[in-house]
Amino acid sequence: MTTRIKMLMVTLVVAGLTAGVASGAGGSQKFPLLGPLAGQFCDGSGIVGDTSQTGGLAVINYDTDTNMVLATVSLKGLDANTTYNVELIQGGDDCFTNDGTITTNGQGNGNVSVTEPSTSGHAFVQVCNGYPDTDCFSATEGYVTNTYHH
């Protein structure tokens, strides 16, 4: 992600501006991974940067019985044999916390599932390069989903 996009994200988050988000009332939802130069506000209020649908997809679900949020992430056509950080983000306190990794195969494809306790009524997935040396805020390539609401 370029410095300009990172600065824009920080400025908009601090200013409290919002943008449209995908909405739904629970249940499993499938979202394209947008990028490769996309970012999402930590509170899930909107996407900044590239909204091309080139990175694959994520299915996000909330389990009411266990109070857990699950994301199954599938990368398609990214850099071959590369490890990416995966973040399941549910707000500011959870932002830029790596929850897992995906290592792509020779065709640039890979899958992983990550689960964490629900800490808010929304979640989104962010995937970035730079493993293991950086979090997604400092990455040069980033993919995000729209926001899932439960």
Protein backbone atom coordinates (compact mmCIF):
# COMPACT_ATOMS: atom_id res chain seq x y z
CA MET A 1 0.00 0.00 0.00
CA THR A 2 1.45 3.34 -0.93
CA THR A 3 2.31 5.94 1.68
CA ARG A 4 -0.29 8.27 0.15
CA ILE A 5 -3.08 5.71 0.65
CA LYS A 6 -1.89 4.99 4.22
CA MET A 7 -1.88 8.71 5.00
CA LEU A 8 -5.36 9.08 3.48
CA MET A 9 -6.65 6.17 5.58
CA VAL A 10 -5.27 7.68 8.79
CA THR A 11 -6.62 11.12 7.92
CA LEU A 12 -10.10 9.82 7.17
CA VAL A 13 -10.20 7.60 10.26
CA VAL A 14 -9.15 10.49 12.49
CA ALA A 15 -11.66 12.81 10.84
CA GLY A 16 -14.39 10.21 11.37
CA LEU A 17 -15.59 10.23 7.77
CA THR A 18 -17.50 7.21 6.58
CA ALA A 19 -18.21 5.53 3.29
CA GLY A 20 -20.75 2.94 2.20
CA VAL A 21 -20.32 -0.62 3.38
CA ALA A 22 -21.91 -3.90 2.48
CA SER A 23 -24.55 -4.84 4.98
CA GLY A 24 -26.42 -7.93 5.98
CA ALA A 25 -27.97 -9.46 9.03
CA GLY A 26 -25.79 -12.39 9.98
CA GLY A 27 -25.49 -15.64 8.09
CA SER A 28 -22.59 -16.51 5.88
CA GLN A 29 -21.60 -13.93 3.27
CA LYS A 30 -19.09 -14.15 0.41
CA PHE A 31 -16.97 -11.09 -0.41
CA PRO A 32 -14.39 -10.51 -3.17
CA LEU A 33 -10.93 -9.48 -2.04
CA LEU A 34 -10.43 -5.96 -3.38
CA GLY A 35 -6.97 -4.73 -4.29
CA PRO A 36 -4.01 -5.03 -4.72
CA LEU A 37 -3.68 -1.53 -3.26
CA ALA A 38 -6.73 -1.40 -1.01
CA GLY A 39 -7.20 -0.52 2.64
CA GLN A 40 -10.19 -0.55 4.98
CA PHE A 41 -10.94 1.66 7.96
CA CYS A 42 -10.38 -0.22 11.23
CA ASP A 43 -13.99 0.40 12.23
CA GLY A 44 -15.20 -1.17 8.96
CA SER A 45 -16.74 2.07 7.70
CA GLY A 46 -15.27 2.05 4.19
CA ILE A 47 -12.59 1.09 1.70
CA VAL A 48 -9.79 3.31 0.46
CA GLY A 49 -7.75 2.75 -2.68
CA ASP A 50 -8.02 0.15 -5.41
CA THR A 51 -11.36 -1.68 -5.56
CA SER A 52 -10.46 -4.09 -8.36
CA GLN A 53 -11.62 -7.63 -7.63
CA THR A 54 -8.37 -9.45 -8.28
CA GLY A 55 -7.25 -11.22 -5.09
CA GLY A 56 -9.72 -14.03 -4.56
CA LEU A 57 -12.51 -14.12 -1.99
CA ALA A 58 -13.43 -14.52 1.67
CA VAL A 59 -16.50 -16.06 3.27
CA ILE A 60 -17.28 -14.55 6.67
CA ASN A 61 -19.73 -16.05 9.15
CA TYR A 62 -20.84 -15.48 12.75
CA ASP A 63 -21.73 -18.48 14.93
CA THR A 64 -24.33 -17.38 17.49
CA ASP A 65 -23.87 -20.56 19.56
CA THR A 66 -20.15 -19.99 20.16
CA ASN A 67 -20.04 -16.18 19.67
CA MET A 68 -17.21 -16.72 17.16
CA VAL A 69 -16.50 -15.05 13.81
CA LEU A 70 -15.04 -17.30 11.10
CA ALA A 71 -13.41 -16.26 7.84
CA THR A 72 -12.41 -18.67 5.11
CA VAL A 73 -10.01 -16.94 2.73
CA SER A 74 -9.17 -18.16 -0.78
CA LEU A 75 -6.40 -16.40 -2.71
CA LYS A 76 -6.42 -16.69 -6.50
CA GLY A 77 -3.64 -15.76 -8.93
CA LEU A 78 -1.38 -13.84 -6.53
CA ASP A 79 2.40 -14.18 -6.33
CA ALA A 80 3.46 -17.83 -6.45
CA ASN A 81 5.04 -19.48 -3.40
CA THR A 82 4.53 -16.38 -1.26
CA THR A 83 3.31 -16.11 2.33
CA TYR A 84 0.63 -13.51 3.05
CA ASN A 85 -0.63 -12.23 6.42
CA VAL A 86 -4.35 -12.64 7.13
CA GLU A 87 -6.21 -10.31 9.48
CA LEU A 88 -9.80 -10.78 10.64
CA ILE A 89 -10.59 -7.26 11.88
CA GLN A 90 -13.51 -6.35 14.15
CA GLY A 91 -12.61 -2.79 15.15
CA GLY A 92 -9.81 -0.49 16.26
CA ASP A 93 -8.52 -2.74 19.06
CA ASP A 94 -8.27 -5.64 16.62
CA CYS A 95 -6.77 -3.70 13.71
CA PHE A 96 -3.40 -4.83 12.27
CA THR A 97 -3.33 -8.04 14.32
CA ASN A 98 -2.20 -11.02 12.27
CA ASP A 99 -4.60 -13.93 12.73
CA GLY A 100 -3.01 -16.35 10.28
CA THR A 101 -1.01 -16.77 7.11
CA ILE A 102 -1.50 -18.24 3.66
CA THR A 103 1.34 -19.56 1.53
CA THR A 104 0.36 -19.68 -2.11
CA ASN A 105 1.20 -22.59 -4.38
CA GLY A 106 3.01 -22.39 -7.72
CA GLN A 107 -0.09 -20.87 -9.36
CA GLY A 108 -0.52 -18.19 -6.66
CA ASN A 109 -3.52 -19.87 -5.02
CA GLY A 110 -4.02 -20.68 -1.34
CA ASN A 111 -6.65 -21.13 1.38
CA VAL A 112 -6.92 -20.64 5.13
CA SER A 113 -9.62 -20.33 7.79
CA VAL A 114 -9.28 -18.05 10.81
CA THR A 115 -11.60 -17.81 13.80
CA GLU A 116 -11.80 -15.45 16.76
CA PRO A 117 -14.34 -14.46 19.43
CA SER A 118 -16.78 -11.77 18.33
CA THR A 119 -15.88 -8.38 19.78
CA SER A 120 -18.26 -6.21 17.73
CA GLY A 121 -21.17 -6.44 15.32
CA HIS A 122 -18.97 -6.28 12.23
CA ALA A 123 -15.86 -7.83 10.68
CA PHE A 124 -13.78 -7.71 7.53
CA VAL A 125 -10.73 -9.52 6.15
CA GLN A 126 -7.44 -7.94 5.15
CA VAL A 127 -4.66 -9.86 3.39
CA CYS A 128 -1.20 -8.42 2.73
CA ASN A 129 2.33 -9.25 1.72
CA GLY A 130 5.37 -8.70 3.90
CA TYR A 131 5.24 -11.82 6.07
CA PRO A 132 6.86 -12.14 8.59
CA ASP A 133 8.43 -8.70 8.77
CA THR A 134 5.43 -6.38 8.63
CA ASP A 135 1.78 -5.94 9.51
CA CYS A 136 -0.74 -4.94 6.86
CA PHE A 137 -0.43 -1.22 7.60
CA SER A 138 3.19 -1.29 6.40
CA ALA A 139 2.66 -3.67 3.48
CA THR A 140 3.15 -2.72 -0.18
CA GLU A 141 0.30 -4.96 -1.39
CA GLY A 142 -3.05 -5.26 0.35
CA TYR A 143 -6.47 -6.81 -0.28
CA VAL A 144 -9.62 -6.22 1.79
CA THR A 145 -13.26 -7.24 1.85
CA ASN A 146 -16.26 -5.07 2.39
CA THR A 147 -17.66 -5.15 5.92
CA TYR A 148 -19.71 -8.07 7.22
CA HIS A 149 -22.41 -7.17 9.74
CA HIS A 150 -23.90 -9.64 12.21
